Amino acid sequence: MALATITTKGQITIPQEVRKSLNLHTGDKLEIIATSEGEALIRPVSRKVDDVFCMLQKSGRKAVSVDTMNATIKKRLAEKYK
């Protein structure tokens, strides 16, 4: 059994054996689900390319260039972080 301690900032360190078992690396995201039984389920959030392939594809949508996408992203970020 692996134990972790919560710091005063609400942070925990995931024990090495758990990180290895779940193949976790720096920067990986974890999903934490509180159950009705008072337990917490912690699981890695990972998606393979095959899992998300064509999820954004919608019939009738026109293709746009990478330059157009980059310009739109830049504009939205500028608006968000004014």
PDB file of N, CA and C in Angstrom:
ATOM      1  N   MET A   1       0.854  -1.173   0.000  1.00  0.00           N
ATOM      2  CA  MET A   1       0.000   0.000   0.000  1.00  0.00           C
ATOM      3  C   MET A   1       0.900   1.236   0.000  1.00  0.00           C
ATOM      4  N   ALA A   2       0.573   2.182  -0.843  1.00  0.00           N
ATOM      5  CA  ALA A   2       1.332   3.426  -0.927  1.00  0.00           C
ATOM      6  C   ALA A   2       0.576   4.524  -0.186  1.00  0.00           C
ATOM      7  N   LEU A   3       1.297   5.306   0.581  1.00  0.00           N
ATOM      8  CA  LEU A   3       0.684   6.399   1.339  1.00  0.00           C
ATOM      9  C   LEU A   3       1.213   7.734   0.842  1.00  0.00           C
ATOM     10  N   ALA A   4       0.374   8.750   0.889  1.00  0.00           N
ATOM     11  CA  ALA A   4       0.771  10.115   0.548  1.00  0.00           C
ATOM     12  C   ALA A   4       0.226  11.037   1.630  1.00  0.00           C
ATOM     13  N   THR A   5       0.923  12.139   1.864  1.00  0.00           N
ATOM     14  CA  THR A   5       0.516  13.117   2.861  1.00  0.00           C
ATOM     15  C   THR A   5       0.127  14.403   2.170  1.00  0.00           C
ATOM     16  N   ILE A   6      -0.955  15.019   2.631  1.00  0.00           N
ATOM     17  CA  ILE A   6      -1.394  16.302   2.069  1.00  0.00           C
ATOM     18  C   ILE A   6      -0.616  17.414   2.759  1.00  0.00           C
ATOM     19  N   THR A   7      -0.040  18.330   1.949  1.00  0.00           N
ATOM     20  CA  THR A   7       0.691  19.467   2.518  1.00  0.00           C
ATOM     21  C   THR A   7      -0.283  20.575   2.909  1.00  0.00           C
ATOM     22  N   THR A   8       0.233  21.612   3.538  1.00  0.00           N
ATOM     23  CA  THR A   8      -0.612  22.745   3.923  1.00  0.00           C
ATOM     24  C   THR A   8      -1.193  23.449   2.697  1.00  0.00           C
ATOM     25  N   LYS A   9      -0.570  23.268   1.550  1.00  0.00           N
ATOM     26  CA  LYS A   9      -1.077  23.859   0.301  1.00  0.00           C
ATOM     27  C   LYS A   9      -2.064  22.934  -0.407  1.00  0.00           C
ATOM     28  N   GLY A  10      -2.358  21.787   0.191  1.00  0.00           N
ATOM     29  CA  GLY A  10      -3.294  20.849  -0.419  1.00  0.00           C
ATOM     30  C   GLY A  10      -2.662  19.979  -1.490  1.00  0.00           C
ATOM     31  N   GLN A  11      -1.346  19.896  -1.510  1.00  0.00           N
ATOM     32  CA  GLN A  11      -0.646  19.110  -2.517  1.00  0.00           C
ATOM     33  C   GLN A  11      -0.236  17.758  -1.955  1.00  0.00           C
ATOM     34  N   ILE A  12      -0.102  16.785  -2.858  1.00  0.00           N
ATOM     35  CA  ILE A  12       0.413  15.481  -2.461  1.00  0.00           C
ATOM     36  C   ILE A  12       1.492  15.064  -3.454  1.00  0.00           C
ATOM     37  N   THR A  13       2.381  14.212  -2.983  1.00  0.00           N
ATOM     38  CA  THR A  13       3.360  13.591  -3.863  1.00  0.00           C
ATOM     39  C   THR A  13       2.898  12.165  -4.092  1.00  0.00           C
ATOM     40  N   ILE A  14       2.789  11.794  -5.348  1.00  0.00           N
ATOM     41  CA  ILE A  14       2.358  10.434  -5.674  1.00  0.00           C
ATOM     42  C   ILE A  14       3.577   9.524  -5.539  1.00  0.00           C
ATOM     43  N   PRO A  15       3.475   8.480  -4.739  1.00  0.00           N
ATOM     44  CA  PRO A  15       4.617   7.592  -4.533  1.00  0.00           C
ATOM     45  C   PRO A  15       5.145   7.006  -5.846  1.00  0.00           C
ATOM     46  N   GLN A  16       6.447   6.790  -5.889  1.00  0.00           N
ATOM     47  CA  GLN A  16       7.109   6.329  -7.105  1.00  0.00           C
ATOM     48  C   GLN A  16       6.500   5.033  -7.630  1.00  0.00           C
ATOM     49  N   GLU A  17       6.173   4.099  -6.751  1.00  0.00           N
ATOM     50  CA  GLU A  17       5.617   2.819  -7.210  1.00  0.00           C
ATOM     51  C   GLU A  17       4.278   3.016  -7.930  1.00  0.00           C
ATOM     52  N   VAL A  18       3.491   3.990  -7.487  1.00  0.00           N
ATOM     53  CA  VAL A  18       2.214   4.282  -8.137  1.00  0.00           C
ATOM     54  C   VAL A  18       2.462   4.962  -9.482  1.00  0.00           C
ATOM     55  N   ARG A  19       3.393   5.925  -9.514  1.00  0.00           N
ATOM     56  CA  ARG A  19       3.721   6.600 -10.777  1.00  0.00           C
ATOM     57  C   ARG A  19       4.200   5.605 -11.821  1.00  0.00           C
ATOM     58  N   LYS A  20       5.046   4.676 -11.406  1.00  0.00           N
ATOM     59  CA  LYS A  20       5.539   3.662 -12.347  1.00  0.00           C
ATOM     60  C   LYS A  20       4.404   2.761 -12.816  1.00  0.00           C
ATOM     61  N   SER A  21       3.566   2.341 -11.880  1.00  0.00           N
ATOM     62  CA  SER A  21       2.455   1.449 -12.208  1.00  0.00           C
ATOM     63  C   SER A  21       1.495   2.079 -13.216  1.00  0.00           C
ATOM     64  N   LEU A  22       1.245   3.378 -13.059  1.00  0.00           N
ATOM     65  CA  LEU A  22       0.319   4.088 -13.952  1.00  0.00           C
ATOM     66  C   LEU A  22       1.025   4.758 -15.126  1.00  0.00           C
ATOM     67  N   ASN A  23       2.357   4.582 -15.209  1.00  0.00           N
ATOM     68  CA  ASN A  23       3.160   5.185 -16.272  1.00  0.00           C
ATOM     69  C   ASN A  23       2.972   6.703 -16.310  1.00  0.00           C
ATOM     70  N   LEU A  24       3.053   7.335 -15.140  1.00  0.00           N
ATOM     71  CA  LEU A  24       2.878   8.781 -15.018  1.00  0.00           C
ATOM     72  C   LEU A  24       4.221   9.494 -15.136  1.00  0.00           C
ATOM     73  N   HIS A  25       4.169  10.669 -15.765  1.00  0.00           N
ATOM     74  CA  HIS A  25       5.368  11.475 -15.941  1.00  0.00           C
ATOM     75  C   HIS A  25       5.060  12.923 -15.596  1.00  0.00           C
ATOM     76  N   THR A  26       6.107  13.722 -15.417  1.00  0.00           N
ATOM     77  CA  THR A  26       5.948  15.141 -15.108  1.00  0.00           C
ATOM     78  C   THR A  26       5.022  15.788 -16.131  1.00  0.00           C
ATOM     79  N   GLY A  27       4.053  16.550 -15.651  1.00  0.00           N
ATOM     80  CA  GLY A  27       3.122  17.260 -16.539  1.00  0.00           C
ATOM     81  C   GLY A  27       1.868  16.479 -16.878  1.00  0.00           C
ATOM     82  N   ASP A  28       1.819  15.189 -16.563  1.00  0.00           N
ATOM     83  CA  ASP A  28       0.614  14.409 -16.848  1.00  0.00           C
ATOM     84  C   ASP A  28      -0.550  14.934 -16.007  1.00  0.00           C
ATOM     85  N   LYS A  29      -1.743  14.790 -16.512  1.00  0.00           N
ATOM     86  CA  LYS A  29      -2.954  15.215 -15.813  1.00  0.00           C
ATOM     87  C   LYS A  29      -3.619  14.007 -15.159  1.00  0.00           C
ATOM     88  N   LEU A  30      -4.211  14.252 -13.996  1.00  0.00           N
ATOM     89  CA  LEU A  30      -4.949  13.218 -13.283  1.00  0.00           C
ATOM     90  C   LEU A  30      -6.384  13.680 -13.062  1.00  0.00           C
ATOM     91  N   GLU A  31      -7.301  12.752 -13.156  1.00  0.00           N
ATOM     92  CA  GLU A  31      -8.706  13.024 -12.859  1.00  0.00           C
ATOM     93  C   GLU A  31      -8.990  12.456 -11.479  1.00  0.00           C
ATOM     94  N   ILE A  32      -9.612  13.242 -10.619  1.00  0.00           N
ATOM     95  CA  ILE A  32      -9.935  12.792  -9.266  1.00  0.00           C
ATOM     96  C   ILE A  32     -11.449  12.827  -9.115  1.00  0.00           C
ATOM     97  N   ILE A  33     -12.008  11.693  -8.783  1.00  0.00           N
ATOM     98  CA  ILE A  33     -13.460  11.561  -8.665  1.00  0.00           C
ATOM     99  C   ILE A  33     -13.799  11.167  -7.229  1.00  0.00           C
ATOM    100  N   ALA A  34     -14.640  11.972  -6.564  1.00  0.00           N
ATOM    101  CA  ALA A  34     -15.113  11.649  -5.220  1.00  0.00           C
ATOM    102  C   ALA A  34     -16.354  10.768  -5.351  1.00  0.00           C
ATOM    103  N   THR A  35     -16.319   9.605  -4.729  1.00  0.00           N
ATOM    104  CA  THR A  35     -17.452   8.683  -4.816  1.00  0.00           C
ATOM    105  C   THR A  35     -18.429   8.932  -3.666  1.00  0.00           C
ATOM    106  N   SER A  36     -19.619   8.395  -3.786  1.00  0.00           N
ATOM    107  CA  SER A  36     -20.626   8.545  -2.733  1.00  0.00           C
ATOM    108  C   SER A  36     -20.252   7.737  -1.486  1.00  0.00           C
ATOM    109  N   GLU A  37     -19.304   6.816  -1.626  1.00  0.00           N
ATOM    110  CA  GLU A  37     -18.854   6.015  -0.490  1.00  0.00           C
ATOM    111  C   GLU A  37     -17.742   6.704   0.295  1.00  0.00           C
ATOM    112  N   GLY A  38     -17.421   7.950  -0.057  1.00  0.00           N
ATOM    113  CA  GLY A  38     -16.376   8.684   0.643  1.00  0.00           C
ATOM    114  C   GLY A  38     -14.970   8.299   0.214  1.00  0.00           C
ATOM    115  N   GLU A  39     -14.830   7.758  -0.982  1.00  0.00           N
ATOM    116  CA  GLU A  39     -13.526   7.397  -1.522  1.00  0.00           C
ATOM    117  C   GLU A  39     -13.187   8.301  -2.694  1.00  0.00           C
ATOM    118  N   ALA A  40     -11.918   8.327  -3.042  1.00  0.00           N
ATOM    119  CA  ALA A  40     -11.476   9.104  -4.199  1.00  0.00           C
ATOM    120  C   ALA A  40     -10.855   8.163  -5.212  1.00  0.00           C
ATOM    121  N   LEU A  41     -11.292   8.270  -6.440  1.00  0.00           N
ATOM    122  CA  LEU A  41     -10.681   7.525  -7.531  1.00  0.00           C
ATOM    123  C   LEU A  41      -9.753   8.483  -8.268  1.00  0.00           C
ATOM    124  N   ILE A  42      -8.535   8.069  -8.469  1.00  0.00           N
ATOM    125  CA  ILE A  42      -7.564   8.899  -9.170  1.00  0.00           C
ATOM    126  C   ILE A  42      -7.111   8.121 -10.391  1.00  0.00           C
ATOM    127  N   ARG A  43      -7.278   8.720 -11.566  1.00  0.00           N
ATOM    128  CA  ARG A  43      -6.845   8.029 -12.773  1.00  0.00           C
ATOM    129  C   ARG A  43      -6.222   9.014 -13.747  1.00  0.00           C
ATOM    130  N   PRO A  44      -5.266   8.526 -14.509  1.00  0.00           N
ATOM    131  CA  PRO A  44      -4.607   9.415 -15.473  1.00  0.00           C
ATOM    132  C   PRO A  44      -5.562   9.797 -16.590  1.00  0.00           C
ATOM    133  N   VAL A  45      -5.430  11.018 -17.047  1.00  0.00           N
ATOM    134  CA  VAL A  45      -6.196  11.487 -18.200  1.00  0.00           C
ATOM    135  C   VAL A  45      -5.257  11.368 -19.388  1.00  0.00           C
ATOM    136  N   SER A  46      -5.497  10.381 -20.180  1.00  0.00           N
ATOM    137  CA  SER A  46      -4.642  10.193 -21.350  1.00  0.00           C
ATOM    138  C   SER A  46      -5.496   9.741 -22.513  1.00  0.00           C
ATOM    139  N   ARG A  47      -5.168  10.268 -23.622  1.00  0.00           N
ATOM    140  CA  ARG A  47      -5.860   9.893 -24.840  1.00  0.00           C
ATOM    141  C   ARG A  47      -4.830   9.601 -25.906  1.00  0.00           C
ATOM    142  N   LYS A  48      -5.058   8.580 -26.644  1.00  0.00           N
ATOM    143  CA  LYS A  48      -4.200   8.271 -27.770  1.00  0.00           C
ATOM    144  C   LYS A  48      -4.750   8.984 -28.996  1.00  0.00           C
ATOM    145  N   VAL A  49      -3.903   9.206 -29.955  1.00  0.00           N
ATOM    146  CA  VAL A  49      -4.324   9.874 -31.192  1.00  0.00           C
ATOM    147  C   VAL A  49      -5.506   9.140 -31.805  1.00  0.00           C
ATOM    148  N   ASP A  50      -5.465   7.824 -31.758  1.00  0.00           N
ATOM    149  CA  ASP A  50      -6.560   7.045 -32.340  1.00  0.00           C
ATOM    150  C   ASP A  50      -7.894   7.298 -31.641  1.00  0.00           C
ATOM    151  N   ASP A  51      -7.857   7.650 -30.348  1.00  0.00           N
ATOM    152  CA  ASP A  51      -9.085   7.899 -29.590  1.00  0.00           C
ATOM    153  C   ASP A  51      -9.773   9.188 -30.010  1.00  0.00           C
ATOM    154  N   VAL A  52      -8.998  10.160 -30.454  1.00  0.00           N
ATOM    155  CA  VAL A  52      -9.562  11.473 -30.775  1.00  0.00           C
ATOM    156  C   VAL A  52      -9.553  11.781 -32.273  1.00  0.00           C
ATOM    157  N   PHE A  53      -9.043  10.860 -33.072  1.00  0.00           N
ATOM    158  CA  PHE A  53      -8.963  11.078 -34.510  1.00  0.00           C
ATOM    159  C   PHE A  53     -10.344  11.362 -35.088  1.00  0.00           C
ATOM    160  N   CYS A  54     -10.452  12.435 -35.817  1.00  0.00           N
ATOM    161  CA  CYS A  54     -11.673  12.874 -36.519  1.00  0.00           C
ATOM    162  C   CYS A  54     -12.783  13.358 -35.592  1.00  0.00           C
ATOM    163  N   MET A  55     -12.508  13.604 -34.315  1.00  0.00           N
ATOM    164  CA  MET A  55     -13.551  14.095 -33.419  1.00  0.00           C
ATOM    165  C   MET A  55     -13.996  15.498 -33.809  1.00  0.00           C
ATOM    166  N   LEU A  56     -13.115  16.268 -34.407  1.00  0.00           N
ATOM    167  CA  LEU A  56     -13.468  17.631 -34.793  1.00  0.00           C
ATOM    168  C   LEU A  56     -14.072  17.700 -36.188  1.00  0.00           C
ATOM    169  N   GLN A  57     -14.071  16.602 -36.884  1.00  0.00           N
ATOM    170  CA  GLN A  57     -14.595  16.576 -38.243  1.00  0.00           C
ATOM    171  C   GLN A  57     -16.120  16.688 -38.212  1.00  0.00           C
ATOM    172  N   LYS A  58     -16.629  17.646 -38.931  1.00  0.00           N
ATOM    173  CA  LYS A  58     -18.078  17.790 -39.064  1.00  0.00           C
ATOM    174  C   LYS A  58     -18.387  17.936 -40.539  1.00  0.00           C
ATOM    175  N   SER A  59     -19.368  17.221 -40.988  1.00  0.00           N
ATOM    176  CA  SER A  59     -19.704  17.285 -42.410  1.00  0.00           C
ATOM    177  C   SER A  59     -20.157  18.691 -42.776  1.00  0.00           C
ATOM    178  N   GLY A  60     -19.753  19.138 -43.945  1.00  0.00           N
ATOM    179  CA  GLY A  60     -20.122  20.465 -44.418  1.00  0.00           C
ATOM    180  C   GLY A  60     -19.189  21.570 -43.969  1.00  0.00           C
ATOM    181  N   ARG A  61     -18.254  21.278 -43.101  1.00  0.00           N
ATOM    182  CA  ARG A  61     -17.312  22.285 -42.615  1.00  0.00           C
ATOM    183  C   ARG A  61     -16.178  22.443 -43.626  1.00  0.00           C
ATOM    184  N   LYS A  62     -15.837  23.699 -43.927  1.00  0.00           N
ATOM    185  CA  LYS A  62     -14.747  23.968 -44.859  1.00  0.00           C
ATOM    186  C   LYS A  62     -13.407  23.834 -44.146  1.00  0.00           C
ATOM    187  N   ALA A  63     -12.427  23.331 -44.865  1.00  0.00           N
ATOM    188  CA  ALA A  63     -11.077  23.236 -44.328  1.00  0.00           C
ATOM    189  C   ALA A  63     -10.467  24.635 -44.269  1.00  0.00           C
ATOM    190  N   VAL A  64      -9.647  24.883 -43.256  1.00  0.00           N
ATOM    191  CA  VAL A  64      -8.956  26.169 -43.151  1.00  0.00           C
ATOM    192  C   VAL A  64      -7.459  25.901 -43.079  1.00  0.00           C
ATOM    193  N   SER A  65      -6.697  26.894 -43.446  1.00  0.00           N
ATOM    194  CA  SER A  65      -5.243  26.734 -43.457  1.00  0.00           C
ATOM    195  C   SER A  65      -4.683  26.817 -42.032  1.00  0.00           C
ATOM    196  N   VAL A  66      -3.469  26.336 -41.876  1.00  0.00           N
ATOM    197  CA  VAL A  66      -2.783  26.410 -40.590  1.00  0.00           C
ATOM    198  C   VAL A  66      -2.570  27.877 -40.209  1.00  0.00           C
ATOM    199  N   ASP A  67      -2.260  28.722 -41.188  1.00  0.00           N
ATOM    200  CA  ASP A  67      -2.077  30.150 -40.915  1.00  0.00           C
ATOM    201  C   ASP A  67      -3.357  30.773 -40.355  1.00  0.00           C
ATOM    202  N   THR A  68      -4.495  30.396 -40.902  1.00  0.00           N
ATOM    203  CA  THR A  68      -5.778  30.910 -40.408  1.00  0.00           C
ATOM    204  C   THR A  68      -6.033  30.428 -38.979  1.00  0.00           C
ATOM    205  N   MET A  69      -5.743  29.150 -38.721  1.00  0.00           N
ATOM    206  CA  MET A  69      -5.921  28.618 -37.365  1.00  0.00           C
ATOM    207  C   MET A  69      -5.018  29.351 -36.378  1.00  0.00           C
ATOM    208  N   ASN A  70      -3.747  29.546 -36.750  1.00  0.00           N
ATOM    209  CA  ASN A  70      -2.806  30.230 -35.861  1.00  0.00           C
ATOM    210  C   ASN A  70      -3.246  31.658 -35.579  1.00  0.00           C
ATOM    211  N   ALA A  71      -3.736  32.355 -36.600  1.00  0.00           N
ATOM    212  CA  ALA A  71      -4.196  33.733 -36.423  1.00  0.00           C
ATOM    213  C   ALA A  71      -5.399  33.787 -35.480  1.00  0.00           C
ATOM    214  N   THR A  72      -6.307  32.842 -35.620  1.00  0.00           N
ATOM    215  CA  THR A  72      -7.497  32.789 -34.761  1.00  0.00           C
ATOM    216  C   THR A  72      -7.105  32.491 -33.311  1.00  0.00           C
ATOM    217  N   ILE A  73      -6.199  31.560 -33.124  1.00  0.00           N
ATOM    218  CA  ILE A  73      -5.730  31.229 -31.776  1.00  0.00           C
ATOM    219  C   ILE A  73      -5.063  32.441 -31.143  1.00  0.00           C
ATOM    220  N   LYS A  74      -4.208  33.100 -31.898  1.00  0.00           N
ATOM    221  CA  LYS A  74      -3.505  34.288 -31.398  1.00  0.00           C
ATOM    222  C   LYS A  74      -4.501  35.375 -30.991  1.00  0.00           C
ATOM    223  N   LYS A  75      -5.518  35.582 -31.812  1.00  0.00           N
ATOM    224  CA  LYS A  75      -6.539  36.605 -31.531  1.00  0.00           C
ATOM    225  C   LYS A  75      -7.313  36.257 -30.254  1.00  0.00           C
ATOM    226  N   ARG A  76      -7.715  34.990 -30.118  1.00  0.00           N
ATOM    227  CA  ARG A  76      -8.497  34.586 -28.947  1.00  0.00           C
ATOM    228  C   ARG A  76      -7.673  34.687 -27.664  1.00  0.00           C
ATOM    229  N   LEU A  77      -6.404  34.305 -27.737  1.00  0.00           N
ATOM    230  CA  LEU A  77      -5.542  34.423 -26.561  1.00  0.00           C
ATOM    231  C   LEU A  77      -5.326  35.872 -26.170  1.00  0.00           C
ATOM    232  N   ALA A  78      -5.162  36.742 -27.167  1.00  0.00           N
ATOM    233  CA  ALA A  78      -4.994  38.175 -26.887  1.00  0.00           C
ATOM    234  C   ALA A  78      -6.237  38.737 -26.205  1.00  0.00           C
ATOM    235  N   GLU A  79      -7.422  38.290 -26.647  1.00  0.00           N
ATOM    236  CA  GLU A  79      -8.675  38.757 -26.028  1.00  0.00           C
ATOM    237  C   GLU A  79      -8.800  38.233 -24.598  1.00  0.00           C
ATOM    238  N   LYS A  80      -8.381  36.979 -24.400  1.00  0.00           N
ATOM    239  CA  LYS A  80      -8.530  36.364 -23.082  1.00  0.00           C
ATOM    240  C   LYS A  80      -7.575  36.964 -22.058  1.00  0.00           C
ATOM    241  N   TYR A  81      -6.372  37.327 -22.473  1.00  0.00           N
ATOM    242  CA  TYR A  81      -5.366  37.808 -21.539  1.00  0.00           C
ATOM    243  C   TYR A  81      -5.064  39.292 -21.696  1.00  0.00           C
ATOM    244  N   LYS A  82      -6.109  40.084 -21.924  1.00  0.00           N
ATOM    245  CA  LYS A  82      -5.934  41.542 -22.033  1.00  0.00           C
ATOM    246  C   LYS A  82      -5.550  42.114 -20.711  1.00  0.00           C
TER     247      LYS A  82
END
